[in-house]
Every structure is written in C-alpha cells, then in structure tokens.
N, C-alpha and C. Protein backbone atom coordinates (compact mmCIF):
# COMPACT_ATOMS: atom_id res chain seq x y z
N MET A 1 61.29 29.76 69.90
CA MET A 1 60.25 29.86 68.89
C MET A 1 59.96 28.50 68.26
N MET A 2 61.02 27.73 67.94
CA MET A 2 60.78 26.44 67.31
C MET A 2 60.02 25.52 68.24
N GLY A 3 60.27 25.59 69.54
CA GLY A 3 59.53 24.77 70.49
C GLY A 3 58.05 25.04 70.46
N SER A 4 57.68 26.31 70.34
CA SER A 4 56.26 26.64 70.28
C SER A 4 55.64 26.14 68.98
N LYS A 5 56.42 26.15 67.89
CA LYS A 5 55.90 25.60 66.63
C LYS A 5 55.62 24.11 66.80
N CYS A 6 56.54 23.40 67.45
CA CYS A 6 56.33 21.97 67.65
C CYS A 6 55.08 21.72 68.47
N LEU A 7 54.87 22.52 69.51
CA LEU A 7 53.67 22.39 70.32
C LEU A 7 52.44 22.65 69.46
N TYR A 8 52.51 23.67 68.62
CA TYR A 8 51.41 24.00 67.72
C TYR A 8 51.05 22.80 66.86
N PHE A 9 52.05 22.13 66.29
CA PHE A 9 51.78 20.98 65.44
C PHE A 9 51.20 19.82 66.23
N LYS A 10 51.69 19.60 67.44
CA LYS A 10 51.17 18.49 68.23
C LYS A 10 49.71 18.70 68.59
N ILE A 11 49.32 19.93 68.76
CA ILE A 11 47.94 20.21 69.11
C ILE A 11 47.03 20.13 67.89
N TYR A 12 47.47 20.69 66.77
CA TYR A 12 46.57 20.86 65.64
C TYR A 12 46.76 19.89 64.49
N ILE A 13 47.91 19.30 64.35
CA ILE A 13 48.13 18.38 63.24
C ILE A 13 48.55 17.04 63.80
N MET A 14 47.75 16.06 63.55
CA MET A 14 48.06 14.73 64.04
C MET A 14 48.73 13.89 62.95
N LEU A 15 48.28 14.01 61.70
CA LEU A 15 48.82 13.23 60.60
C LEU A 15 49.20 14.16 59.45
N ILE A 16 50.37 13.93 58.89
CA ILE A 16 50.80 14.66 57.71
C ILE A 16 51.11 13.61 56.64
N TYR A 17 50.42 13.70 55.52
CA TYR A 17 50.64 12.79 54.40
C TYR A 17 51.45 13.50 53.33
N LEU A 18 52.61 12.94 52.99
CA LEU A 18 53.43 13.48 51.92
C LEU A 18 53.12 12.72 50.65
N ILE A 19 52.75 13.47 49.61
CA ILE A 19 52.41 12.82 48.35
C ILE A 19 53.23 13.45 47.23
N GLY A 20 53.30 12.74 46.13
CA GLY A 20 54.01 13.21 44.96
C GLY A 20 54.57 12.04 44.19
N TYR A 21 55.13 12.35 43.04
CA TYR A 21 55.65 11.32 42.15
C TYR A 21 56.88 10.65 42.76
N MET A 22 57.15 9.40 42.35
CA MET A 22 58.33 8.71 42.87
C MET A 22 59.57 9.55 42.59
N GLY A 23 60.44 9.59 43.58
CA GLY A 23 61.68 10.34 43.43
C GLY A 23 61.60 11.79 43.84
N CYS A 24 60.42 12.25 44.29
CA CYS A 24 60.28 13.67 44.65
C CYS A 24 60.86 13.99 46.02
N GLY A 25 61.15 12.96 46.82
CA GLY A 25 61.78 13.19 48.12
C GLY A 25 60.87 13.00 49.31
N LYS A 26 59.76 12.31 49.14
CA LYS A 26 58.80 12.13 50.24
C LYS A 26 59.44 11.46 51.45
N THR A 27 60.16 10.39 51.22
CA THR A 27 60.76 9.65 52.34
C THR A 27 61.89 10.44 52.98
N THR A 28 62.75 11.00 52.18
CA THR A 28 63.89 11.75 52.71
C THR A 28 63.42 12.93 53.55
N ILE A 29 62.54 13.76 53.00
CA ILE A 29 62.08 14.94 53.73
C ILE A 29 61.17 14.52 54.89
N GLY A 30 60.42 13.44 54.69
CA GLY A 30 59.52 12.96 55.75
C GLY A 30 60.26 12.55 57.01
N LYS A 31 61.38 11.86 56.85
CA LYS A 31 62.18 11.44 58.00
C LYS A 31 62.74 12.67 58.73
N LYS A 32 63.24 13.63 57.96
CA LYS A 32 63.79 14.85 58.57
C LYS A 32 62.71 15.65 59.28
N LEU A 33 61.55 15.77 58.65
CA LEU A 33 60.44 16.51 59.25
C LEU A 33 59.96 15.83 60.52
N ALA A 34 59.86 14.52 60.50
CA ALA A 34 59.44 13.77 61.69
C ALA A 34 60.41 13.99 62.85
N THR A 35 61.69 13.97 62.56
CA THR A 35 62.70 14.22 63.60
C THR A 35 62.54 15.63 64.16
N GLN A 36 62.40 16.61 63.27
CA GLN A 36 62.30 18.00 63.71
C GLN A 36 61.05 18.25 64.55
N LEU A 37 59.93 17.60 64.19
CA LEU A 37 58.68 17.82 64.91
C LEU A 37 58.47 16.82 66.05
N ASN A 38 59.41 15.89 66.21
CA ASN A 38 59.29 14.83 67.20
C ASN A 38 58.03 13.98 66.93
N TYR A 39 57.83 13.66 65.67
CA TYR A 39 56.73 12.81 65.21
C TYR A 39 57.31 11.44 64.85
N SER A 40 56.44 10.47 64.68
CA SER A 40 56.83 9.18 64.12
C SER A 40 56.85 9.33 62.60
N PHE A 41 57.53 8.41 61.95
CA PHE A 41 57.57 8.41 60.48
C PHE A 41 57.19 7.04 59.97
N LEU A 42 56.35 7.00 58.92
CA LEU A 42 55.98 5.76 58.25
C LEU A 42 56.11 5.93 56.75
N ASP A 43 56.74 4.97 56.11
CA ASP A 43 56.74 4.90 54.65
C ASP A 43 55.71 3.83 54.31
N LEU A 44 54.63 4.23 53.66
CA LEU A 44 53.52 3.30 53.40
C LEU A 44 53.97 2.09 52.60
N ASP A 45 54.86 2.27 51.63
CA ASP A 45 55.36 1.14 50.85
C ASP A 45 56.12 0.16 51.74
N ASP A 46 56.92 0.66 52.69
CA ASP A 46 57.63 -0.22 53.62
C ASP A 46 56.67 -1.01 54.49
N VAL A 47 55.61 -0.36 54.94
CA VAL A 47 54.59 -1.03 55.76
C VAL A 47 53.94 -2.16 54.96
N ILE A 48 53.61 -1.88 53.71
CA ILE A 48 52.99 -2.90 52.85
C ILE A 48 53.94 -4.08 52.67
N GLU A 49 55.20 -3.80 52.38
CA GLU A 49 56.17 -4.88 52.18
C GLU A 49 56.33 -5.72 53.44
N GLN A 50 56.36 -5.09 54.60
CA GLN A 50 56.49 -5.82 55.85
C GLN A 50 55.25 -6.69 56.10
N ASN A 51 54.07 -6.11 55.88
CA ASN A 51 52.83 -6.85 56.13
C ASN A 51 52.63 -8.00 55.15
N GLN A 52 53.01 -7.79 53.89
CA GLN A 52 52.81 -8.81 52.85
C GLN A 52 53.98 -9.79 52.74
N LYS A 53 55.10 -9.41 53.36
CA LYS A 53 56.32 -10.22 53.29
C LYS A 53 56.78 -10.42 51.84
N LYS A 54 56.55 -9.38 51.01
CA LYS A 54 56.97 -9.35 49.61
C LYS A 54 57.28 -7.91 49.25
N SER A 55 58.11 -7.75 48.24
CA SER A 55 58.39 -6.40 47.76
C SER A 55 57.19 -5.89 46.96
N ILE A 56 57.14 -4.58 46.79
CA ILE A 56 56.07 -3.97 45.97
C ILE A 56 56.14 -4.56 44.57
N ALA A 57 57.34 -4.70 44.02
CA ALA A 57 57.51 -5.27 42.67
C ALA A 57 56.94 -6.68 42.60
N GLU A 58 57.18 -7.49 43.64
CA GLU A 58 56.65 -8.86 43.65
C GLU A 58 55.13 -8.87 43.71
N ILE A 59 54.56 -7.96 44.50
CA ILE A 59 53.10 -7.90 44.59
C ILE A 59 52.52 -7.54 43.23
N PHE A 60 53.10 -6.53 42.58
CA PHE A 60 52.63 -6.14 41.24
C PHE A 60 52.74 -7.32 40.28
N GLU A 61 53.90 -7.99 40.29
CA GLU A 61 54.16 -9.06 39.34
C GLU A 61 53.29 -10.29 39.59
N LYS A 62 53.17 -10.70 40.85
CA LYS A 62 52.46 -11.95 41.17
C LYS A 62 50.96 -11.76 41.34
N ASP A 63 50.55 -10.63 41.90
CA ASP A 63 49.15 -10.44 42.25
C ASP A 63 48.43 -9.40 41.39
N GLY A 64 49.19 -8.57 40.71
CA GLY A 64 48.62 -7.55 39.83
C GLY A 64 48.39 -6.22 40.53
N GLN A 65 48.23 -5.19 39.71
CA GLN A 65 48.06 -3.84 40.25
C GLN A 65 46.78 -3.70 41.06
N ASN A 66 45.68 -4.31 40.61
CA ASN A 66 44.42 -4.17 41.34
C ASN A 66 44.53 -4.69 42.77
N THR A 67 45.17 -5.84 42.93
CA THR A 67 45.38 -6.40 44.28
C THR A 67 46.27 -5.47 45.09
N PHE A 68 47.36 -4.99 44.47
CA PHE A 68 48.24 -4.07 45.18
C PHE A 68 47.48 -2.84 45.65
N ARG A 69 46.65 -2.26 44.80
CA ARG A 69 45.94 -1.03 45.16
C ARG A 69 44.96 -1.28 46.31
N GLU A 70 44.36 -2.46 46.37
CA GLU A 70 43.48 -2.83 47.50
C GLU A 70 44.30 -2.91 48.79
N ILE A 71 45.44 -3.59 48.71
CA ILE A 71 46.33 -3.71 49.87
C ILE A 71 46.78 -2.33 50.32
N GLU A 72 47.15 -1.49 49.36
CA GLU A 72 47.61 -0.13 49.66
C GLU A 72 46.51 0.66 50.36
N LYS A 73 45.29 0.57 49.84
CA LYS A 73 44.15 1.28 50.44
C LYS A 73 43.92 0.82 51.88
N ASN A 74 43.95 -0.48 52.10
CA ASN A 74 43.72 -1.01 53.45
C ASN A 74 44.81 -0.54 54.42
N ASN A 75 46.05 -0.55 53.97
CA ASN A 75 47.15 -0.08 54.82
C ASN A 75 47.05 1.41 55.06
N LEU A 76 46.64 2.16 54.06
CA LEU A 76 46.44 3.60 54.24
C LEU A 76 45.36 3.86 55.28
N HIS A 77 44.25 3.14 55.19
CA HIS A 77 43.15 3.31 56.15
C HIS A 77 43.60 2.98 57.57
N ASN A 78 44.55 2.08 57.71
CA ASN A 78 45.08 1.75 59.04
C ASN A 78 45.87 2.89 59.66
N THR A 79 46.23 3.90 58.87
CA THR A 79 46.98 5.04 59.43
C THR A 79 46.06 6.10 60.02
N PHE A 80 44.79 6.03 59.74
CA PHE A 80 43.88 7.12 60.13
C PHE A 80 43.75 7.29 61.64
N ASN A 81 44.05 6.26 62.40
CA ASN A 81 43.94 6.39 63.86
C ASN A 81 45.29 6.71 64.53
N LEU A 82 46.34 6.90 63.73
CA LEU A 82 47.64 7.25 64.29
C LEU A 82 47.65 8.70 64.76
N LYS A 83 48.60 9.03 65.58
CA LYS A 83 48.75 10.40 66.07
C LYS A 83 50.20 10.84 65.83
N ASN A 84 50.36 12.13 65.55
CA ASN A 84 51.69 12.73 65.40
C ASN A 84 52.61 11.89 64.52
N THR A 85 52.17 11.66 63.30
CA THR A 85 52.92 10.82 62.38
C THR A 85 53.01 11.48 61.00
N ILE A 86 54.19 11.38 60.40
CA ILE A 86 54.42 11.78 59.02
C ILE A 86 54.34 10.50 58.20
N ILE A 87 53.54 10.49 57.14
CA ILE A 87 53.37 9.30 56.33
C ILE A 87 53.75 9.63 54.89
N SER A 88 54.74 8.90 54.39
CA SER A 88 55.15 9.01 52.99
C SER A 88 54.35 7.97 52.21
N THR A 89 53.56 8.44 51.26
CA THR A 89 52.73 7.52 50.48
C THR A 89 53.47 7.12 49.20
N GLY A 90 53.03 6.04 48.60
CA GLY A 90 53.53 5.69 47.27
C GLY A 90 53.00 6.70 46.27
N GLY A 91 53.69 6.85 45.16
CA GLY A 91 53.31 7.84 44.15
C GLY A 91 51.91 7.68 43.61
N GLY A 92 51.41 6.44 43.55
CA GLY A 92 50.07 6.21 43.02
C GLY A 92 48.96 6.20 44.05
N ALA A 93 49.32 6.17 45.32
CA ALA A 93 48.31 6.05 46.38
C ALA A 93 47.19 7.08 46.30
N PRO A 94 47.48 8.36 46.04
CA PRO A 94 46.40 9.34 46.01
C PRO A 94 45.44 9.18 44.82
N CYS A 95 45.82 8.37 43.85
CA CYS A 95 45.11 8.31 42.56
C CYS A 95 44.08 7.19 42.48
N PHE A 96 43.89 6.43 43.53
CA PHE A 96 42.97 5.30 43.49
C PHE A 96 41.95 5.39 44.61
N PHE A 97 40.79 4.82 44.35
CA PHE A 97 39.67 4.83 45.28
C PHE A 97 39.40 6.27 45.71
N ASP A 98 39.10 6.47 46.97
CA ASP A 98 38.92 7.83 47.50
C ASP A 98 40.07 8.18 48.44
N ASN A 99 41.24 7.62 48.15
CA ASN A 99 42.40 7.79 49.05
C ASN A 99 42.74 9.25 49.30
N MET A 100 42.72 10.08 48.27
CA MET A 100 43.09 11.48 48.45
C MET A 100 42.09 12.18 49.37
N GLU A 101 40.82 11.95 49.15
CA GLU A 101 39.79 12.56 49.99
C GLU A 101 39.92 12.10 51.44
N GLN A 102 40.22 10.81 51.63
CA GLN A 102 40.37 10.28 52.99
C GLN A 102 41.59 10.86 53.69
N MET A 103 42.70 11.01 52.95
CA MET A 103 43.90 11.60 53.56
C MET A 103 43.63 13.05 53.95
N ASN A 104 42.89 13.78 53.12
CA ASN A 104 42.53 15.16 53.47
C ASN A 104 41.58 15.21 54.65
N ARG A 105 40.75 14.21 54.78
CA ARG A 105 39.79 14.16 55.90
C ARG A 105 40.50 13.89 57.23
N TYR A 106 41.46 12.97 57.23
CA TYR A 106 42.09 12.54 58.48
C TYR A 106 43.41 13.25 58.79
N GLY A 107 43.95 13.98 57.82
CA GLY A 107 45.24 14.62 58.06
C GLY A 107 45.44 15.81 57.15
N THR A 108 46.67 16.25 57.07
CA THR A 108 47.06 17.34 56.20
C THR A 108 47.93 16.75 55.10
N THR A 109 47.54 16.98 53.85
CA THR A 109 48.28 16.45 52.72
C THR A 109 49.20 17.52 52.16
N ILE A 110 50.40 17.10 51.82
CA ILE A 110 51.39 18.00 51.25
C ILE A 110 51.93 17.37 49.96
N TYR A 111 51.74 18.06 48.86
CA TYR A 111 52.23 17.62 47.55
C TYR A 111 53.62 18.21 47.33
N ILE A 112 54.61 17.34 47.20
CA ILE A 112 55.97 17.76 46.88
C ILE A 112 56.08 17.73 45.36
N LYS A 113 56.09 18.91 44.77
CA LYS A 113 55.98 19.05 43.32
C LYS A 113 57.35 19.23 42.67
N LEU A 114 57.58 18.44 41.63
CA LEU A 114 58.78 18.56 40.80
C LEU A 114 58.39 18.43 39.34
N SER A 115 59.16 19.05 38.47
CA SER A 115 58.91 18.97 37.03
C SER A 115 59.35 17.61 36.50
N PRO A 116 58.83 17.20 35.34
CA PRO A 116 59.29 15.95 34.73
C PRO A 116 60.81 15.94 34.51
N LYS A 117 61.38 17.09 34.15
CA LYS A 117 62.83 17.17 33.93
C LYS A 117 63.60 16.89 35.22
N ALA A 118 63.17 17.51 36.32
CA ALA A 118 63.83 17.29 37.62
C ALA A 118 63.66 15.85 38.09
N LEU A 119 62.47 15.28 37.89
CA LEU A 119 62.23 13.89 38.29
C LEU A 119 63.07 12.93 37.46
N THR A 120 63.19 13.21 36.17
CA THR A 120 64.01 12.35 35.30
C THR A 120 65.45 12.36 35.77
N LYS A 121 65.95 13.53 36.10
CA LYS A 121 67.33 13.64 36.58
C LYS A 121 67.52 12.83 37.86
N ARG A 122 66.59 12.93 38.79
CA ARG A 122 66.69 12.18 40.06
C ARG A 122 66.56 10.68 39.85
N LEU A 123 65.61 10.29 38.99
CA LEU A 123 65.30 8.86 38.84
C LEU A 123 66.25 8.12 37.90
N SER A 124 66.97 8.85 37.06
CA SER A 124 67.85 8.17 36.09
C SER A 124 68.91 7.31 36.79
N ASN A 125 69.31 7.69 37.98
CA ASN A 125 70.31 6.92 38.73
C ASN A 125 69.68 5.83 39.60
N LEU A 126 68.37 5.83 39.69
CA LEU A 126 67.68 4.87 40.57
C LEU A 126 66.89 3.82 39.80
N ARG A 127 67.09 3.76 38.50
CA ARG A 127 66.28 2.87 37.66
C ARG A 127 66.28 1.43 38.13
N SER A 128 67.42 0.92 38.52
CA SER A 128 67.52 -0.51 38.86
C SER A 128 66.62 -0.89 40.03
N SER A 129 66.33 0.06 40.91
CA SER A 129 65.50 -0.25 42.08
C SER A 129 64.02 0.09 41.87
N ARG A 130 63.67 0.56 40.69
CA ARG A 130 62.28 0.96 40.38
C ARG A 130 61.76 0.15 39.20
N PRO A 131 60.94 -0.87 39.45
CA PRO A 131 60.49 -1.77 38.38
C PRO A 131 59.80 -1.07 37.21
N LEU A 132 59.05 -0.02 37.47
CA LEU A 132 58.31 0.66 36.40
C LEU A 132 59.23 1.36 35.39
N ILE A 133 60.44 1.68 35.80
CA ILE A 133 61.32 2.46 34.92
C ILE A 133 62.64 1.76 34.62
N LYS A 134 62.77 0.55 35.09
CA LYS A 134 64.04 -0.19 35.03
C LYS A 134 64.66 -0.24 33.63
N GLU A 135 63.87 -0.50 32.62
CA GLU A 135 64.39 -0.74 31.27
C GLU A 135 64.33 0.49 30.36
N LYS A 136 63.98 1.64 30.88
CA LYS A 136 63.76 2.81 30.03
C LYS A 136 65.04 3.61 29.78
N THR A 137 65.16 4.09 28.53
CA THR A 137 66.25 5.02 28.20
C THR A 137 65.91 6.37 28.82
N ASP A 138 66.85 7.31 28.79
CA ASP A 138 66.60 8.64 29.34
C ASP A 138 65.39 9.30 28.68
N GLU A 139 65.30 9.21 27.37
CA GLU A 139 64.17 9.82 26.66
C GLU A 139 62.85 9.13 27.01
N GLU A 140 62.87 7.81 27.04
CA GLU A 140 61.67 7.06 27.42
C GLU A 140 61.27 7.38 28.86
N LEU A 141 62.26 7.51 29.73
CA LEU A 141 61.99 7.84 31.13
C LEU A 141 61.31 9.19 31.24
N PHE A 142 61.85 10.20 30.55
CA PHE A 142 61.25 11.53 30.57
C PHE A 142 59.81 11.48 30.06
N ASN A 143 59.58 10.82 28.94
CA ASN A 143 58.23 10.74 28.36
C ASN A 143 57.27 10.00 29.29
N PHE A 144 57.75 8.94 29.91
CA PHE A 144 56.94 8.17 30.85
C PHE A 144 56.54 9.03 32.05
N ILE A 145 57.52 9.72 32.63
CA ILE A 145 57.25 10.58 33.78
C ILE A 145 56.28 11.69 33.40
N GLU A 146 56.52 12.32 32.27
CA GLU A 146 55.66 13.42 31.83
C GLU A 146 54.21 12.95 31.68
N LYS A 147 54.02 11.78 31.07
CA LYS A 147 52.66 11.23 30.88
C LYS A 147 52.01 10.87 32.22
N MET A 148 52.74 10.13 33.05
CA MET A 148 52.19 9.71 34.34
C MET A 148 51.90 10.90 35.24
N LEU A 149 52.81 11.86 35.26
CA LEU A 149 52.63 13.03 36.11
C LEU A 149 51.42 13.84 35.67
N SER A 150 51.22 13.96 34.37
CA SER A 150 50.05 14.72 33.90
C SER A 150 48.75 14.03 34.31
N GLU A 151 48.74 12.71 34.36
CA GLU A 151 47.56 11.97 34.81
C GLU A 151 47.37 12.08 36.33
N ARG A 152 48.46 12.01 37.06
CA ARG A 152 48.39 11.99 38.52
C ARG A 152 48.19 13.36 39.15
N GLU A 153 48.61 14.41 38.46
CA GLU A 153 48.50 15.74 39.05
C GLU A 153 47.06 16.14 39.34
N LEU A 154 46.11 15.57 38.63
CA LEU A 154 44.70 15.80 38.93
C LEU A 154 44.42 15.46 40.39
N PHE A 155 45.02 14.39 40.87
CA PHE A 155 44.85 13.95 42.26
C PHE A 155 45.79 14.70 43.20
N TYR A 156 47.05 14.81 42.80
CA TYR A 156 48.04 15.49 43.63
C TYR A 156 47.61 16.93 43.96
N ASN A 157 47.00 17.58 42.99
CA ASN A 157 46.60 18.98 43.20
C ASN A 157 45.43 19.14 44.16
N LYS A 158 44.85 18.05 44.61
CA LYS A 158 43.82 18.11 45.65
C LYS A 158 44.45 18.22 47.05
N SER A 159 45.78 18.21 47.09
CA SER A 159 46.47 18.37 48.37
C SER A 159 46.13 19.69 49.00
N LEU A 160 46.11 19.71 50.30
CA LEU A 160 45.83 20.94 51.03
C LEU A 160 46.99 21.92 50.91
N ILE A 161 48.20 21.38 50.79
CA ILE A 161 49.41 22.21 50.70
C ILE A 161 50.25 21.69 49.55
N LYS A 162 50.83 22.62 48.78
CA LYS A 162 51.73 22.26 47.69
C LYS A 162 53.06 22.97 47.91
N VAL A 163 54.17 22.24 47.76
CA VAL A 163 55.49 22.84 47.91
C VAL A 163 56.38 22.41 46.75
N ASN A 164 57.26 23.31 46.35
CA ASN A 164 58.23 23.02 45.31
C ASN A 164 59.30 22.11 45.90
N GLY A 165 59.59 21.00 45.24
CA GLY A 165 60.54 20.03 45.76
C GLY A 165 62.00 20.35 45.52
N ILE A 166 62.30 21.37 44.72
CA ILE A 166 63.70 21.74 44.47
C ILE A 166 64.26 22.41 45.71
N GLY A 167 65.35 21.85 46.23
CA GLY A 167 66.01 22.41 47.41
C GLY A 167 65.11 22.44 48.64
N LEU A 168 64.20 21.51 48.73
CA LEU A 168 63.22 21.50 49.81
C LEU A 168 63.88 21.25 51.16
N HIS A 169 63.52 22.05 52.12
CA HIS A 169 64.01 21.92 53.49
C HIS A 169 62.80 21.88 54.42
N THR A 170 62.94 21.22 55.55
CA THR A 170 61.81 21.08 56.47
C THR A 170 61.24 22.42 56.91
N ASN A 171 62.08 23.44 57.04
CA ASN A 171 61.56 24.75 57.46
C ASN A 171 60.54 25.31 56.47
N ARG A 172 60.74 25.03 55.19
CA ARG A 172 59.77 25.51 54.18
C ARG A 172 58.44 24.77 54.33
N ILE A 173 58.49 23.50 54.67
CA ILE A 173 57.25 22.74 54.88
C ILE A 173 56.54 23.25 56.13
N ILE A 174 57.30 23.47 57.20
CA ILE A 174 56.70 23.98 58.44
C ILE A 174 56.04 25.33 58.19
N LYS A 175 56.71 26.19 57.45
CA LYS A 175 56.13 27.50 57.12
C LYS A 175 54.86 27.34 56.28
N ALA A 176 54.87 26.43 55.32
CA ALA A 176 53.69 26.19 54.48
C ALA A 176 52.52 25.68 55.32
N ILE A 177 52.80 24.78 56.26
CA ILE A 177 51.75 24.26 57.14
C ILE A 177 51.21 25.39 58.02
N ASP A 178 52.12 26.17 58.57
CA ASP A 178 51.74 27.29 59.42
C ASP A 178 50.84 28.27 58.66
N ASN A 179 51.25 28.61 57.42
CA ASN A 179 50.43 29.51 56.60
C ASN A 179 49.07 28.90 56.30
N PHE A 180 49.04 27.62 56.00
CA PHE A 180 47.78 26.94 55.71
C PHE A 180 46.85 26.97 56.93
N LYS A 181 47.40 26.66 58.09
CA LYS A 181 46.58 26.63 59.31
C LYS A 181 46.07 28.02 59.68
N ASN A 182 46.85 29.06 59.38
CA ASN A 182 46.39 30.42 59.67
C ASN A 182 45.27 30.87 58.75
N ILE A 183 45.22 30.27 57.53
CA ILE A 183 44.16 30.63 56.58
C ILE A 183 42.89 29.85 56.88
N SER A 184 43.04 28.56 57.27
CA SER A 184 41.84 27.72 57.46
C SER A 184 41.10 28.01 58.73
C-alpha cells in the first residue's frame, strides 16, 4: 500500500512546501518525509546561505531585511522548476511579495501549526542559534512569538493543507495530502 502512495505522490505532487514559524519542525519533518517519499529535500535558508556565502544573520545584519527578502524570493522562484522535492521555507518566506501565492501555484503548501506556548518551549533552548530571539527572556520570547505568529498566520493560513505540529509524524502529513488531493 505504501508503494502505491509513493507512486501517487510522484505522479500528482511535484513540490511540497513546508511553512510555519521557526521551530515548528519544517526541516526535521521535511527530511523524514523526503526519505519516505523518495523525494529530494531542500532547506531554503541553507540554499540562501550557500549561494550568498554568508549566514542568514549576516545577511540581515550587513544587507538588511529588504535585501534578504529579495534574495529569499529569488531563491524560492528557483525552486519552481524542481520535481519531487520537499522544500522547507524560512518562517517569513510566505509573508513577503506574492511568495505564498506562487508556492500554492507551483506546489502544495503545508502549514505546520503550533501554539505560541509550544513554540516558546521549543525555541527557548535554541536561542543562541536564532538571532531574532537570542537576547530574549522566556516572557519576552513568548510575547514576541505570539505577536509575530498573529501577524504571519494571515499568510500561513493560505496554505492548502494545515497540520498540527504536536507529535507530527510523516504518516499524518501523507494522509493530509491524500485527503486534500481527493477533495480537489
């Protein structure tokens, strides 16, 4: 049965874009999903860092957010001709330009949804590697996430598929995609 599901995805889904707030598990689940479906995996932030030969933090610091968002958009557009690929986007990628609409046009978007409380718990141990939250206390982190998430959910909710990120397993994503394809 799983083999036929993989064939189904190869025929009907060429690109899967994972979106959601930082720390929701896009990269972790994306790698597992790519392995299970025999797809390639791309982390858009990693691609940007390789192409620019700088970290995302350095691009933000030296060139500014507007430049970063242009670079991000251009790299995102370069994914539209890929086949059988899972793409983990940066948390802000869907929120700028017409990125969300373009991802929906060229692929299937999946929003990995977590509450501000769950995200705070996950990100509190990762602060040192995340420039936007590096200096924040637990309370400041929660308030920051809650504010940013409320602004970004307008875009995230344009995803074709939404899944709860708590205890997320690839089988739940495959089932959600299958249900979506049967409805469309």
